[in-house]
Amino acid sequence: MKNKKLKLFELERIDVNEFKQLNKRPIVLLLDNIRSAQNIGSFFRTADAFLIETIILTGICATPPNKEILKTALGSTESVSWSYKPDALSAVKNLKEKGWRIMSVEQASESIELHQFEPTIEEKYVFIFGNEVDGVQQAIIDESDSVIEIPQFGTKHSLNVSVSAGIVLWDVYQKMYLG
């Protein structure tokens, strides 16, 4: 057999304590009023996979230990650092004052297509993902250093927000750490 599927024990998974000791990537995910707890759980799993520094949940976002988050997070709420802030805009302004680059992921008139975005290892990034219906608030887009858009070619021009996070983080991760 040339290509054998790996068993769980062959993946060399680390435990939560080992994960917490690892150096995290200087990337924050800020979730702006995400309404689906299952989407939030998916963000946690993606954050775990890419060693993201932290997730900031804002507004109407559910918080762990919500059972719908736990269903899709599969334990990553224990490994990934997170906090809750009632107001997304205040959280963004605070991070910006601390030197983080604010990047909204949204379809906007002056957005940068994801493949054209060139992150640098010297920068710290906050990637903001918005509500499933309304997207990222305009006030947050106004505070952003840039807006990134995932090019889409079908009829909907709409990806699930947690799927968008996976696409953006993979692209950024490979450009910063694997490229």
C-alpha atoms as a PDB file:
ATOM      1  CA  MET A   1       0.000   0.000   0.000  1.00  0.00           C
ATOM      2  CA  LYS A   2       1.579   3.286  -1.122  1.00  0.00           C
ATOM      3  CA  ASN A   3      -0.471   5.843   0.758  1.00  0.00           C
ATOM      4  CA  LYS A   4      -1.931   4.692   4.062  1.00  0.00           C
ATOM      5  CA  LYS A   5      -4.404   6.720   6.058  1.00  0.00           C
ATOM      6  CA  LEU A   6      -2.928   7.537   9.472  1.00  0.00           C
ATOM      7  CA  LYS A   7      -4.563   6.312  12.661  1.00  0.00           C
ATOM      8  CA  LEU A   8      -5.208   8.821  15.442  1.00  0.00           C
ATOM      9  CA  PHE A   9      -2.266   7.539  17.504  1.00  0.00           C
ATOM     10  CA  GLU A  10       0.031   8.069  14.482  1.00  0.00           C
ATOM     11  CA  LEU A  11      -0.765  11.794  14.278  1.00  0.00           C
ATOM     12  CA  GLU A  12       1.492  12.567  17.252  1.00  0.00           C
ATOM     13  CA  ARG A  13      -1.065  14.893  18.771  1.00  0.00           C
ATOM     14  CA  ILE A  14       0.044  16.990  21.699  1.00  0.00           C
ATOM     15  CA  ASP A  15      -2.065  17.458  24.813  1.00  0.00           C
ATOM     16  CA  VAL A  16      -3.656  20.719  25.945  1.00  0.00           C
ATOM     17  CA  ASN A  17      -0.851  21.535  28.394  1.00  0.00           C
ATOM     18  CA  GLU A  18       1.792  21.067  25.694  1.00  0.00           C
ATOM     19  CA  PHE A  19      -0.263  23.210  23.313  1.00  0.00           C
ATOM     20  CA  LYS A  20      -0.486  26.031  25.859  1.00  0.00           C
ATOM     21  CA  GLN A  21       3.321  26.048  26.150  1.00  0.00           C
ATOM     22  CA  LEU A  22       3.876  26.509  22.397  1.00  0.00           C
ATOM     23  CA  ASN A  23       4.685  29.909  20.923  1.00  0.00           C
ATOM     24  CA  LYS A  24       1.532  31.109  19.238  1.00  0.00           C
ATOM     25  CA  ARG A  25       1.344  33.003  15.972  1.00  0.00           C
ATOM     26  CA  PRO A  26       0.755  36.757  16.432  1.00  0.00           C
ATOM     27  CA  ILE A  27      -2.755  36.472  15.037  1.00  0.00           C
ATOM     28  CA  VAL A  28      -6.017  37.328  16.773  1.00  0.00           C
ATOM     29  CA  LEU A  29      -9.436  36.342  15.477  1.00  0.00           C
ATOM     30  CA  LEU A  30     -12.101  38.860  16.416  1.00  0.00           C
ATOM     31  CA  LEU A  31     -15.637  37.601  15.856  1.00  0.00           C
ATOM     32  CA  ASP A  32     -18.059  40.471  15.303  1.00  0.00           C
ATOM     33  CA  ASN A  33     -21.540  39.334  16.338  1.00  0.00           C
ATOM     34  CA  ILE A  34     -21.369  35.774  14.982  1.00  0.00           C
ATOM     35  CA  ARG A  35     -24.827  34.348  15.660  1.00  0.00           C
ATOM     36  CA  SER A  36     -24.161  30.629  15.184  1.00  0.00           C
ATOM     37  CA  ALA A  37     -22.532  28.900  18.122  1.00  0.00           C
ATOM     38  CA  GLN A  38     -21.562  26.057  15.776  1.00  0.00           C
ATOM     39  CA  ASN A  39     -19.651  28.528  13.606  1.00  0.00           C
ATOM     40  CA  ILE A  40     -17.904  29.797  16.738  1.00  0.00           C
ATOM     41  CA  GLY A  41     -16.894  26.236  17.589  1.00  0.00           C
ATOM     42  CA  SER A  42     -15.428  25.874  14.106  1.00  0.00           C
ATOM     43  CA  PHE A  43     -13.374  29.033  14.651  1.00  0.00           C
ATOM     44  CA  PHE A  44     -11.914  27.422  17.774  1.00  0.00           C
ATOM     45  CA  ARG A  45     -10.865  24.302  15.875  1.00  0.00           C
ATOM     46  CA  THR A  46      -9.270  26.378  13.129  1.00  0.00           C
ATOM     47  CA  ALA A  47      -7.491  28.583  15.682  1.00  0.00           C
ATOM     48  CA  ASP A  48      -6.088  25.458  17.334  1.00  0.00           C
ATOM     49  CA  ALA A  49      -4.875  24.081  13.997  1.00  0.00           C
ATOM     50  CA  PHE A  50      -2.937  27.257  13.149  1.00  0.00           C
ATOM     51  CA  LEU A  51      -1.625  28.120  16.651  1.00  0.00           C
ATOM     52  CA  ILE A  52      -3.580  31.382  16.775  1.00  0.00           C
ATOM     53  CA  GLU A  53      -2.826  33.577  19.789  1.00  0.00           C
ATOM     54  CA  THR A  54      -6.409  34.208  20.843  1.00  0.00           C
ATOM     55  CA  ILE A  55     -10.038  34.575  19.826  1.00  0.00           C
ATOM     56  CA  ILE A  56     -12.064  37.592  20.917  1.00  0.00           C
ATOM     57  CA  LEU A  57     -15.812  37.005  20.947  1.00  0.00           C
ATOM     58  CA  THR A  58     -17.956  40.149  20.791  1.00  0.00           C
ATOM     59  CA  GLY A  59     -21.550  41.279  20.874  1.00  0.00           C
ATOM     60  CA  ILE A  60     -24.076  38.481  20.417  1.00  0.00           C
ATOM     61  CA  CYS A  61     -21.429  35.737  20.157  1.00  0.00           C
ATOM     62  CA  ALA A  62     -22.078  32.774  22.412  1.00  0.00           C
ATOM     63  CA  THR A  63     -19.217  31.820  24.715  1.00  0.00           C
ATOM     64  CA  PRO A  64     -17.934  28.488  25.972  1.00  0.00           C
ATOM     65  CA  PRO A  65     -19.157  26.230  27.479  1.00  0.00           C
ATOM     66  CA  ASN A  66     -22.177  26.616  25.196  1.00  0.00           C
ATOM     67  CA  LYS A  67     -23.120  23.097  24.058  1.00  0.00           C
ATOM     68  CA  GLU A  68     -23.366  24.095  20.373  1.00  0.00           C
ATOM     69  CA  ILE A  69     -19.847  25.571  20.494  1.00  0.00           C
ATOM     70  CA  LEU A  70     -18.539  22.452  22.213  1.00  0.00           C
ATOM     71  CA  LYS A  71     -20.171  20.219  19.580  1.00  0.00           C
ATOM     72  CA  THR A  72     -18.027  21.653  16.763  1.00  0.00           C
ATOM     73  CA  ALA A  73     -14.991  22.803  18.784  1.00  0.00           C
ATOM     74  CA  LEU A  74     -14.144  19.204  19.776  1.00  0.00           C
ATOM     75  CA  GLY A  75     -12.170  20.255  22.852  1.00  0.00           C
ATOM     76  CA  SER A  76     -10.364  23.236  21.316  1.00  0.00           C
ATOM     77  CA  THR A  77     -12.101  25.632  23.720  1.00  0.00           C
ATOM     78  CA  GLU A  78      -9.711  24.155  26.296  1.00  0.00           C
ATOM     79  CA  SER A  79      -6.576  24.742  24.210  1.00  0.00           C
ATOM     80  CA  VAL A  80      -7.270  28.097  22.525  1.00  0.00           C
ATOM     81  CA  SER A  81      -7.134  31.285  24.553  1.00  0.00           C
ATOM     82  CA  TRP A  82     -10.287  33.400  24.263  1.00  0.00           C
ATOM     83  CA  SER A  83     -12.051  36.364  25.812  1.00  0.00           C
ATOM     84  CA  TYR A  84     -15.392  38.115  25.509  1.00  0.00           C
ATOM     85  CA  LYS A  85     -15.809  41.850  24.892  1.00  0.00           C
ATOM     86  CA  PRO A  86     -19.318  43.312  24.642  1.00  0.00           C
ATOM     87  CA  ASP A  87     -18.361  45.918  22.034  1.00  0.00           C
ATOM     88  CA  ALA A  88     -16.363  44.899  18.956  1.00  0.00           C
ATOM     89  CA  LEU A  89     -15.450  48.449  17.950  1.00  0.00           C
ATOM     90  CA  SER A  90     -13.937  49.228  21.362  1.00  0.00           C
ATOM     91  CA  ALA A  91     -11.954  45.976  21.213  1.00  0.00           C
ATOM     92  CA  VAL A  92     -10.665  46.879  17.734  1.00  0.00           C
ATOM     93  CA  LYS A  93      -9.608  50.360  18.831  1.00  0.00           C
ATOM     94  CA  ASN A  94      -7.818  48.914  21.853  1.00  0.00           C
ATOM     95  CA  LEU A  95      -5.900  46.410  19.734  1.00  0.00           C
ATOM     96  CA  LYS A  96      -5.017  49.090  17.184  1.00  0.00           C
ATOM     97  CA  GLU A  97      -3.584  51.285  19.961  1.00  0.00           C
ATOM     98  CA  LYS A  98      -1.389  48.326  20.967  1.00  0.00           C
ATOM     99  CA  GLY A  99       0.112  48.084  17.485  1.00  0.00           C
ATOM    100  CA  TRP A 100      -1.973  45.303  15.958  1.00  0.00           C
ATOM    101  CA  ARG A 101      -2.813  45.570  12.231  1.00  0.00           C
ATOM    102  CA  ILE A 102      -6.583  45.453  11.841  1.00  0.00           C
ATOM    103  CA  MET A 103      -7.779  43.372   8.888  1.00  0.00           C
ATOM    104  CA  SER A 104     -11.490  43.013   8.221  1.00  0.00           C
ATOM    105  CA  VAL A 105     -12.524  40.088   6.047  1.00  0.00           C
ATOM    106  CA  GLU A 106     -15.380  41.467   4.003  1.00  0.00           C
ATOM    107  CA  GLN A 107     -16.576  42.315   0.516  1.00  0.00           C
ATOM    108  CA  ALA A 108     -15.906  46.053   0.202  1.00  0.00           C
ATOM    109  CA  SER A 109     -15.314  48.681  -2.473  1.00  0.00           C
ATOM    110  CA  GLU A 110     -11.572  48.974  -1.786  1.00  0.00           C
ATOM    111  CA  SER A 111     -10.795  45.486  -0.527  1.00  0.00           C
ATOM    112  CA  ILE A 112      -7.591  43.603  -1.305  1.00  0.00           C
ATOM    113  CA  GLU A 113      -8.106  40.171  -2.807  1.00  0.00           C
ATOM    114  CA  LEU A 114      -6.687  37.529  -0.503  1.00  0.00           C
ATOM    115  CA  HIS A 115      -4.081  36.280  -2.980  1.00  0.00           C
ATOM    116  CA  GLN A 116      -2.731  39.865  -3.236  1.00  0.00           C
ATOM    117  CA  PHE A 117      -2.399  40.298   0.535  1.00  0.00           C
ATOM    118  CA  GLU A 118       1.237  39.977   1.595  1.00  0.00           C
ATOM    119  CA  PRO A 119       1.522  39.582   5.370  1.00  0.00           C
ATOM    120  CA  THR A 120       4.909  40.020   7.006  1.00  0.00           C
ATOM    121  CA  ILE A 121       6.304  38.038   9.892  1.00  0.00           C
ATOM    122  CA  GLU A 122       7.154  41.300  11.693  1.00  0.00           C
ATOM    123  CA  GLU A 123       3.506  42.342  12.011  1.00  0.00           C
ATOM    124  CA  LYS A 124       0.791  41.296  14.465  1.00  0.00           C
ATOM    125  CA  TYR A 125      -2.605  40.822  12.806  1.00  0.00           C
ATOM    126  CA  VAL A 126      -6.217  40.909  13.916  1.00  0.00           C
ATOM    127  CA  PHE A 127      -8.561  39.256  11.423  1.00  0.00           C
ATOM    128  CA  ILE A 128     -12.180  40.285  11.896  1.00  0.00           C
ATOM    129  CA  PHE A 129     -15.023  38.075  10.746  1.00  0.00           C
ATOM    130  CA  GLY A 130     -18.573  39.422  10.833  1.00  0.00           C
ATOM    131  CA  ASN A 131     -22.125  38.353  11.350  1.00  0.00           C
ATOM    132  CA  GLU A 132     -23.436  35.698   8.969  1.00  0.00           C
ATOM    133  CA  VAL A 133     -26.069  38.053   7.514  1.00  0.00           C
ATOM    134  CA  ASP A 134     -24.765  41.596   8.067  1.00  0.00           C
ATOM    135  CA  GLY A 135     -21.012  40.994   7.865  1.00  0.00           C
ATOM    136  CA  VAL A 136     -18.436  43.187   9.570  1.00  0.00           C
ATOM    137  CA  GLN A 137     -19.844  46.447  10.923  1.00  0.00           C
ATOM    138  CA  GLN A 138     -19.039  49.506   8.765  1.00  0.00           C
ATOM    139  CA  ALA A 139     -17.599  51.306  11.808  1.00  0.00           C
ATOM    140  CA  ILE A 140     -15.076  48.483  12.171  1.00  0.00           C
ATOM    141  CA  ILE A 141     -14.253  48.552   8.466  1.00  0.00           C
ATOM    142  CA  ASP A 142     -13.615  52.291   8.901  1.00  0.00           C
ATOM    143  CA  GLU A 143     -11.092  51.481  11.685  1.00  0.00           C
ATOM    144  CA  SER A 144      -9.411  48.733   9.681  1.00  0.00           C
ATOM    145  CA  ASP A 145      -5.950  49.055   8.182  1.00  0.00           C
ATOM    146  CA  SER A 146      -7.131  46.926   5.265  1.00  0.00           C
ATOM    147  CA  VAL A 147     -10.080  44.881   4.118  1.00  0.00           C
ATOM    148  CA  ILE A 148      -9.396  41.453   2.651  1.00  0.00           C
ATOM    149  CA  GLU A 149     -11.801  39.734   0.303  1.00  0.00           C
ATOM    150  CA  ILE A 150     -11.822  36.110  -0.797  1.00  0.00           C
ATOM    151  CA  PRO A 151     -12.451  36.075  -4.562  1.00  0.00           C
ATOM    152  CA  GLN A 152     -15.594  34.132  -5.425  1.00  0.00           C
ATOM    153  CA  PHE A 153     -16.913  33.158  -8.809  1.00  0.00           C
ATOM    154  CA  GLY A 154     -20.314  31.519  -8.342  1.00  0.00           C
ATOM    155  CA  THR A 155     -23.799  32.978  -8.050  1.00  0.00           C
ATOM    156  CA  LYS A 156     -23.899  33.433  -4.264  1.00  0.00           C
ATOM    157  CA  HIS A 157     -20.675  35.312  -3.492  1.00  0.00           C
ATOM    158  CA  SER A 158     -21.157  34.067   0.024  1.00  0.00           C
ATOM    159  CA  LEU A 159     -19.032  31.601   1.989  1.00  0.00           C
ATOM    160  CA  ASN A 160     -19.828  30.342   5.458  1.00  0.00           C
ATOM    161  CA  VAL A 161     -17.980  32.617   7.892  1.00  0.00           C
ATOM    162  CA  SER A 162     -16.049  29.798   9.553  1.00  0.00           C
ATOM    163  CA  VAL A 163     -15.073  28.412   6.137  1.00  0.00           C
ATOM    164  CA  SER A 164     -13.804  31.898   5.268  1.00  0.00           C
ATOM    165  CA  ALA A 165     -11.640  31.830   8.396  1.00  0.00           C
ATOM    166  CA  GLY A 166     -10.067  28.546   7.333  1.00  0.00           C
ATOM    167  CA  ILE A 167      -9.286  29.899   3.875  1.00  0.00           C
ATOM    168  CA  VAL A 168      -7.814  33.165   5.165  1.00  0.00           C
ATOM    169  CA  LEU A 169      -5.767  31.543   7.914  1.00  0.00           C
ATOM    170  CA  TRP A 170      -4.341  28.882   5.629  1.00  0.00           C
ATOM    171  CA  ASP A 171      -3.355  31.530   3.088  1.00  0.00           C
ATOM    172  CA  VAL A 172      -1.783  33.793   5.715  1.00  0.00           C
ATOM    173  CA  TYR A 173      -0.090  30.905   7.518  1.00  0.00           C
ATOM    174  CA  GLN A 174       1.511  29.494   4.404  1.00  0.00           C
ATOM    175  CA  LYS A 175       2.705  32.955   3.278  1.00  0.00           C
ATOM    176  CA  MET A 176       4.177  33.804   6.677  1.00  0.00           C
ATOM    177  CA  TYR A 177       5.493  30.457   7.903  1.00  0.00           C
ATOM    178  CA  LEU A 178       5.743  28.004   5.032  1.00  0.00           C
ATOM    179  CA  GLY A 179       6.572  30.226   2.061  1.00  0.00           C
END
